[in-house]
């Protein structure tokens, strides 16, 4: 499988993060899509790369279980991401994103 260019990877990451922040996809769907589309790796290979069991990785991708913060940080680290605090309200998240993308006033 050909790896996407840096520009394509960044565009995919931004698109997926926006979908995550607006509630269109879950953290599990984000991880599964990044693992497959950016790295082209199986669950087994990716789990070995990040140092978690395949079962743990599968649980996270299916949005089941209760992974620790350390596990979440480990599995998202290859994509330059870490777990953080986000508003639980999709409306508040959309408002925050809209304000951060609005043109700056001069």
N, C-alpha and C. Protein backbone atom coordinates (compact mmCIF):
# COMPACT_ATOMS: atom_id res chain seq x y z
N UNK A 1 0.84 -1.18 0.00
CA UNK A 1 0.00 0.00 0.00
C UNK A 1 0.89 1.24 0.00
N UNK A 2 0.58 2.19 -0.88
CA UNK A 2 1.32 3.45 -0.92
C UNK A 2 0.90 4.33 0.23
N UNK A 3 1.89 4.92 0.90
CA UNK A 3 1.60 5.84 2.00
C UNK A 3 1.23 7.19 1.39
N UNK A 4 0.20 7.84 1.95
CA UNK A 4 -0.18 9.15 1.43
C UNK A 4 0.91 10.20 1.71
N UNK A 5 0.91 11.24 0.90
CA UNK A 5 1.88 12.32 1.08
C UNK A 5 1.59 13.07 2.39
N UNK A 6 2.54 13.87 2.82
CA UNK A 6 2.37 14.63 4.06
C UNK A 6 1.16 15.56 3.98
N UNK A 7 0.94 16.15 2.83
CA UNK A 7 -0.19 17.06 2.65
C UNK A 7 -1.51 16.30 2.76
N UNK A 8 -1.58 15.13 2.14
CA UNK A 8 -2.79 14.31 2.20
C UNK A 8 -3.02 13.82 3.62
N UNK A 9 -1.95 13.41 4.31
CA UNK A 9 -2.08 12.95 5.70
C UNK A 9 -2.61 14.06 6.59
N UNK A 10 -2.06 15.25 6.43
CA UNK A 10 -2.50 16.38 7.26
C UNK A 10 -3.96 16.73 6.97
N UNK A 11 -4.35 16.74 5.72
CA UNK A 11 -5.74 17.05 5.36
C UNK A 11 -6.70 16.00 5.94
N UNK A 12 -6.33 14.73 5.88
CA UNK A 12 -7.15 13.67 6.44
C UNK A 12 -7.26 13.84 7.95
N UNK A 13 -6.15 14.11 8.60
CA UNK A 13 -6.15 14.29 10.05
C UNK A 13 -7.05 15.46 10.46
N UNK A 14 -6.93 16.57 9.77
CA UNK A 14 -7.77 17.74 10.08
C UNK A 14 -9.24 17.42 9.86
N UNK A 15 -9.56 16.76 8.75
CA UNK A 15 -10.96 16.42 8.46
C UNK A 15 -11.52 15.50 9.54
N UNK A 16 -10.76 14.48 9.91
CA UNK A 16 -11.23 13.53 10.92
C UNK A 16 -11.35 14.17 12.30
N UNK A 17 -10.39 15.02 12.66
CA UNK A 17 -10.48 15.70 13.96
C UNK A 17 -11.69 16.62 14.01
N UNK A 18 -11.96 17.30 12.92
CA UNK A 18 -13.15 18.16 12.87
C UNK A 18 -14.41 17.31 13.04
N UNK A 19 -14.46 16.16 12.39
CA UNK A 19 -15.61 15.26 12.55
C UNK A 19 -15.72 14.76 13.99
N UNK A 20 -14.59 14.48 14.61
CA UNK A 20 -14.60 14.05 16.02
C UNK A 20 -15.13 15.17 16.91
N UNK A 21 -14.60 16.38 16.71
CA UNK A 21 -14.97 17.51 17.56
C UNK A 21 -16.43 17.90 17.41
N UNK A 22 -17.01 17.65 16.25
CA UNK A 22 -18.41 18.00 16.03
C UNK A 22 -19.35 16.83 16.30
N UNK A 23 -18.80 15.73 16.75
CA UNK A 23 -19.63 14.58 17.13
C UNK A 23 -20.05 13.68 15.99
N UNK A 24 -19.46 13.86 14.81
CA UNK A 24 -19.83 13.04 13.66
C UNK A 24 -19.21 11.64 13.74
N UNK A 25 -18.04 11.53 14.36
CA UNK A 25 -17.40 10.23 14.54
C UNK A 25 -16.92 10.11 15.99
N UNK A 26 -16.62 8.90 16.39
CA UNK A 26 -16.13 8.64 17.74
C UNK A 26 -14.60 8.54 17.74
N UNK A 27 -14.03 8.49 18.93
CA UNK A 27 -12.58 8.31 19.05
C UNK A 27 -12.16 6.98 18.42
N UNK A 28 -12.98 5.95 18.61
CA UNK A 28 -12.66 4.64 18.03
C UNK A 28 -12.63 4.67 16.52
N UNK A 29 -13.61 5.31 15.93
CA UNK A 29 -13.67 5.44 14.46
C UNK A 29 -12.48 6.26 13.97
N UNK A 30 -12.14 7.31 14.71
CA UNK A 30 -10.97 8.11 14.35
C UNK A 30 -9.71 7.25 14.33
N UNK A 31 -9.50 6.49 15.39
CA UNK A 31 -8.31 5.65 15.49
C UNK A 31 -8.27 4.61 14.38
N UNK A 32 -9.38 3.92 14.17
CA UNK A 32 -9.43 2.88 13.13
C UNK A 32 -9.12 3.46 11.75
N UNK A 33 -9.71 4.63 11.45
CA UNK A 33 -9.48 5.25 10.15
C UNK A 33 -8.03 5.69 9.99
N UNK A 34 -7.46 6.31 11.02
CA UNK A 34 -6.06 6.73 10.95
C UNK A 34 -5.14 5.52 10.79
N UNK A 35 -5.39 4.48 11.57
CA UNK A 35 -4.53 3.28 11.51
C UNK A 35 -4.55 2.67 10.11
N UNK A 36 -5.73 2.56 9.54
CA UNK A 36 -5.86 1.92 8.22
C UNK A 36 -5.40 2.83 7.08
N UNK A 37 -5.90 4.08 7.08
CA UNK A 37 -5.66 4.95 5.93
C UNK A 37 -4.29 5.62 5.94
N UNK A 38 -3.77 5.95 7.12
CA UNK A 38 -2.46 6.60 7.16
C UNK A 38 -1.32 5.60 7.23
N UNK A 39 -1.52 4.54 8.01
CA UNK A 39 -0.43 3.59 8.21
C UNK A 39 -0.61 2.28 7.46
N UNK A 40 -1.82 1.95 7.09
CA UNK A 40 -2.08 0.69 6.40
C UNK A 40 -1.70 -0.51 7.25
N UNK A 41 -1.88 -0.40 8.56
CA UNK A 41 -1.45 -1.47 9.47
C UNK A 41 -2.64 -2.27 10.00
N UNK A 42 -2.38 -3.54 10.28
CA UNK A 42 -3.37 -4.37 10.93
C UNK A 42 -3.46 -4.01 12.41
N UNK A 43 -4.51 -4.44 13.07
CA UNK A 43 -4.62 -4.22 14.52
C UNK A 43 -3.45 -4.86 15.25
N UNK A 44 -3.09 -6.06 14.86
CA UNK A 44 -2.00 -6.78 15.52
C UNK A 44 -0.69 -6.01 15.41
N UNK A 45 -0.36 -5.55 14.22
CA UNK A 45 0.89 -4.81 14.01
C UNK A 45 0.88 -3.47 14.74
N UNK A 46 -0.25 -2.78 14.68
CA UNK A 46 -0.32 -1.47 15.34
C UNK A 46 -0.27 -1.62 16.85
N UNK A 47 -0.95 -2.62 17.38
CA UNK A 47 -0.92 -2.86 18.82
C UNK A 47 0.51 -3.11 19.29
N UNK A 48 1.26 -3.88 18.53
CA UNK A 48 2.66 -4.14 18.87
C UNK A 48 3.47 -2.85 18.81
N UNK A 49 3.22 -2.02 17.81
CA UNK A 49 3.94 -0.75 17.66
C UNK A 49 3.75 0.15 18.87
N UNK A 50 2.52 0.23 19.37
CA UNK A 50 2.23 1.18 20.45
C UNK A 50 2.30 0.54 21.84
N UNK A 51 2.51 -0.77 21.90
CA UNK A 51 2.71 -1.44 23.19
C UNK A 51 1.46 -1.75 23.97
N UNK A 52 0.36 -2.04 23.26
CA UNK A 52 -0.87 -2.49 23.93
C UNK A 52 -1.28 -3.81 23.30
N UNK A 53 -2.18 -4.51 23.96
CA UNK A 53 -2.67 -5.77 23.40
C UNK A 53 -3.60 -5.49 22.22
N UNK A 54 -3.70 -6.45 21.33
CA UNK A 54 -4.63 -6.31 20.20
C UNK A 54 -6.05 -6.17 20.71
N UNK A 55 -6.37 -6.88 21.78
CA UNK A 55 -7.71 -6.80 22.38
C UNK A 55 -8.01 -5.38 22.87
N UNK A 56 -7.03 -4.77 23.53
CA UNK A 56 -7.21 -3.39 24.02
C UNK A 56 -7.43 -2.44 22.85
N UNK A 57 -6.63 -2.59 21.81
CA UNK A 57 -6.78 -1.76 20.63
C UNK A 57 -8.16 -1.96 20.00
N UNK A 58 -8.58 -3.20 19.90
CA UNK A 58 -9.89 -3.51 19.35
C UNK A 58 -11.00 -2.87 20.18
N UNK A 59 -10.88 -2.96 21.50
CA UNK A 59 -11.88 -2.35 22.38
C UNK A 59 -11.97 -0.84 22.16
N UNK A 60 -10.82 -0.20 22.04
CA UNK A 60 -10.81 1.26 21.81
C UNK A 60 -11.46 1.57 20.47
N UNK A 61 -11.11 0.84 19.44
CA UNK A 61 -11.68 1.09 18.11
C UNK A 61 -13.18 0.83 18.07
N UNK A 62 -13.68 -0.03 18.95
CA UNK A 62 -15.12 -0.29 19.02
C UNK A 62 -15.82 0.57 20.06
N UNK A 63 -15.05 1.51 20.67
CA UNK A 63 -15.58 2.40 21.69
C UNK A 63 -16.18 1.63 22.86
N UNK A 64 -15.52 0.54 23.22
CA UNK A 64 -15.98 -0.22 24.38
C UNK A 64 -14.86 -0.28 25.41
N UNK A 65 -15.20 -0.67 26.61
CA UNK A 65 -14.21 -0.72 27.66
C UNK A 65 -13.94 0.67 28.21
N UNK A 66 -12.98 0.74 29.09
CA UNK A 66 -12.59 2.01 29.72
C UNK A 66 -11.07 2.14 29.70
N UNK A 67 -10.51 2.53 28.57
CA UNK A 67 -9.05 2.63 28.50
C UNK A 67 -8.53 3.74 29.41
N UNK A 68 -7.37 3.54 29.94
CA UNK A 68 -6.75 4.55 30.78
C UNK A 68 -6.23 5.70 29.91
N UNK A 69 -5.94 6.79 30.55
CA UNK A 69 -5.37 7.93 29.84
C UNK A 69 -4.02 7.55 29.22
N UNK A 70 -3.25 6.74 29.94
CA UNK A 70 -1.95 6.30 29.41
C UNK A 70 -2.13 5.48 28.14
N UNK A 71 -3.13 4.61 28.10
CA UNK A 71 -3.39 3.80 26.91
C UNK A 71 -3.82 4.70 25.75
N UNK A 72 -4.74 5.61 26.02
CA UNK A 72 -5.19 6.52 24.96
C UNK A 72 -4.02 7.33 24.40
N UNK A 73 -3.17 7.84 25.26
CA UNK A 73 -2.02 8.61 24.79
C UNK A 73 -1.08 7.73 23.97
N UNK A 74 -0.88 6.50 24.39
CA UNK A 74 0.02 5.59 23.67
C UNK A 74 -0.52 5.28 22.27
N UNK A 75 -1.82 5.03 22.16
CA UNK A 75 -2.37 4.62 20.87
C UNK A 75 -2.53 5.77 19.89
N UNK A 76 -2.65 7.00 20.39
CA UNK A 76 -2.78 8.14 19.48
C UNK A 76 -1.45 8.85 19.23
N UNK A 77 -0.40 8.52 19.99
CA UNK A 77 0.89 9.19 19.85
C UNK A 77 1.48 9.12 18.44
N UNK A 78 1.42 7.98 17.74
CA UNK A 78 2.00 7.95 16.38
C UNK A 78 1.38 8.96 15.41
N UNK A 79 0.21 9.50 15.76
CA UNK A 79 -0.46 10.46 14.89
C UNK A 79 -0.25 11.89 15.39
N UNK A 80 0.60 12.06 16.41
CA UNK A 80 0.85 13.38 16.96
C UNK A 80 -0.28 13.90 17.81
N UNK A 81 -1.08 12.99 18.37
CA UNK A 81 -2.24 13.37 19.17
C UNK A 81 -2.09 12.88 20.60
N UNK A 82 -2.77 13.57 21.53
CA UNK A 82 -2.82 13.12 22.90
C UNK A 82 -4.22 13.40 23.43
N UNK A 83 -4.61 12.66 24.45
CA UNK A 83 -5.92 12.84 25.06
C UNK A 83 -5.98 14.21 25.72
N UNK A 84 -7.14 14.85 25.68
CA UNK A 84 -7.28 16.16 26.28
C UNK A 84 -8.71 16.44 26.68
N UNK A 85 -8.92 17.61 27.18
CA UNK A 85 -10.24 18.03 27.63
C UNK A 85 -10.96 18.74 26.50
N UNK A 86 -12.17 18.28 26.23
CA UNK A 86 -13.01 18.89 25.21
C UNK A 86 -14.40 19.08 25.79
N UNK A 87 -15.13 20.08 25.32
CA UNK A 87 -16.51 20.24 25.78
C UNK A 87 -17.36 19.01 25.44
N UNK A 88 -18.20 18.59 26.36
CA UNK A 88 -19.08 17.45 26.10
C UNK A 88 -20.23 17.82 25.18
N UNK A 89 -20.60 19.06 25.18
CA UNK A 89 -21.72 19.53 24.38
C UNK A 89 -21.29 19.75 22.93
N UNK A 90 -21.92 19.03 21.99
CA UNK A 90 -21.59 19.26 20.57
C UNK A 90 -21.83 20.71 20.14
N UNK A 91 -22.87 21.34 20.69
CA UNK A 91 -23.16 22.73 20.32
C UNK A 91 -22.04 23.65 20.78
N UNK A 92 -21.54 23.44 21.99
CA UNK A 92 -20.44 24.25 22.49
C UNK A 92 -19.16 24.01 21.67
N UNK A 93 -18.92 22.77 21.29
CA UNK A 93 -17.75 22.45 20.48
C UNK A 93 -17.84 23.13 19.12
N UNK A 94 -19.01 23.08 18.49
CA UNK A 94 -19.18 23.73 17.19
C UNK A 94 -18.98 25.23 17.30
N UNK A 95 -19.49 25.82 18.38
CA UNK A 95 -19.31 27.25 18.59
C UNK A 95 -17.83 27.59 18.76
N UNK A 96 -17.13 26.77 19.55
CA UNK A 96 -15.71 26.99 19.77
C UNK A 96 -14.93 26.89 18.45
N UNK A 97 -15.25 25.88 17.65
CA UNK A 97 -14.57 25.70 16.37
C UNK A 97 -14.87 26.87 15.43
N UNK A 98 -16.12 27.32 15.41
CA UNK A 98 -16.50 28.44 14.54
C UNK A 98 -15.74 29.70 14.93
N UNK A 99 -15.60 29.93 16.22
CA UNK A 99 -14.90 31.14 16.68
C UNK A 99 -13.41 31.05 16.34
N UNK A 100 -12.84 29.87 16.37
CA UNK A 100 -11.42 29.72 16.09
C UNK A 100 -11.11 29.74 14.60
N UNK A 101 -12.12 29.57 13.76
CA UNK A 101 -11.88 29.60 12.32
C UNK A 101 -12.36 30.88 11.68
N UNK A 102 -12.99 31.76 12.48
CA UNK A 102 -13.46 33.04 11.94
C UNK A 102 -12.27 33.92 11.61
N UNK A 103 -12.38 34.72 10.56
CA UNK A 103 -11.26 35.61 10.20
C UNK A 103 -10.98 36.59 11.33
N UNK A 104 -9.73 36.88 11.55
CA UNK A 104 -9.34 37.82 12.60
C UNK A 104 -9.71 39.24 12.19
N UNK A 105 -10.18 39.99 13.20
CA UNK A 105 -10.51 41.38 12.93
C UNK A 105 -9.24 42.20 12.95
N UNK A 106 -9.21 43.23 12.12
CA UNK A 106 -8.02 44.09 12.07
C UNK A 106 -8.25 45.36 12.82
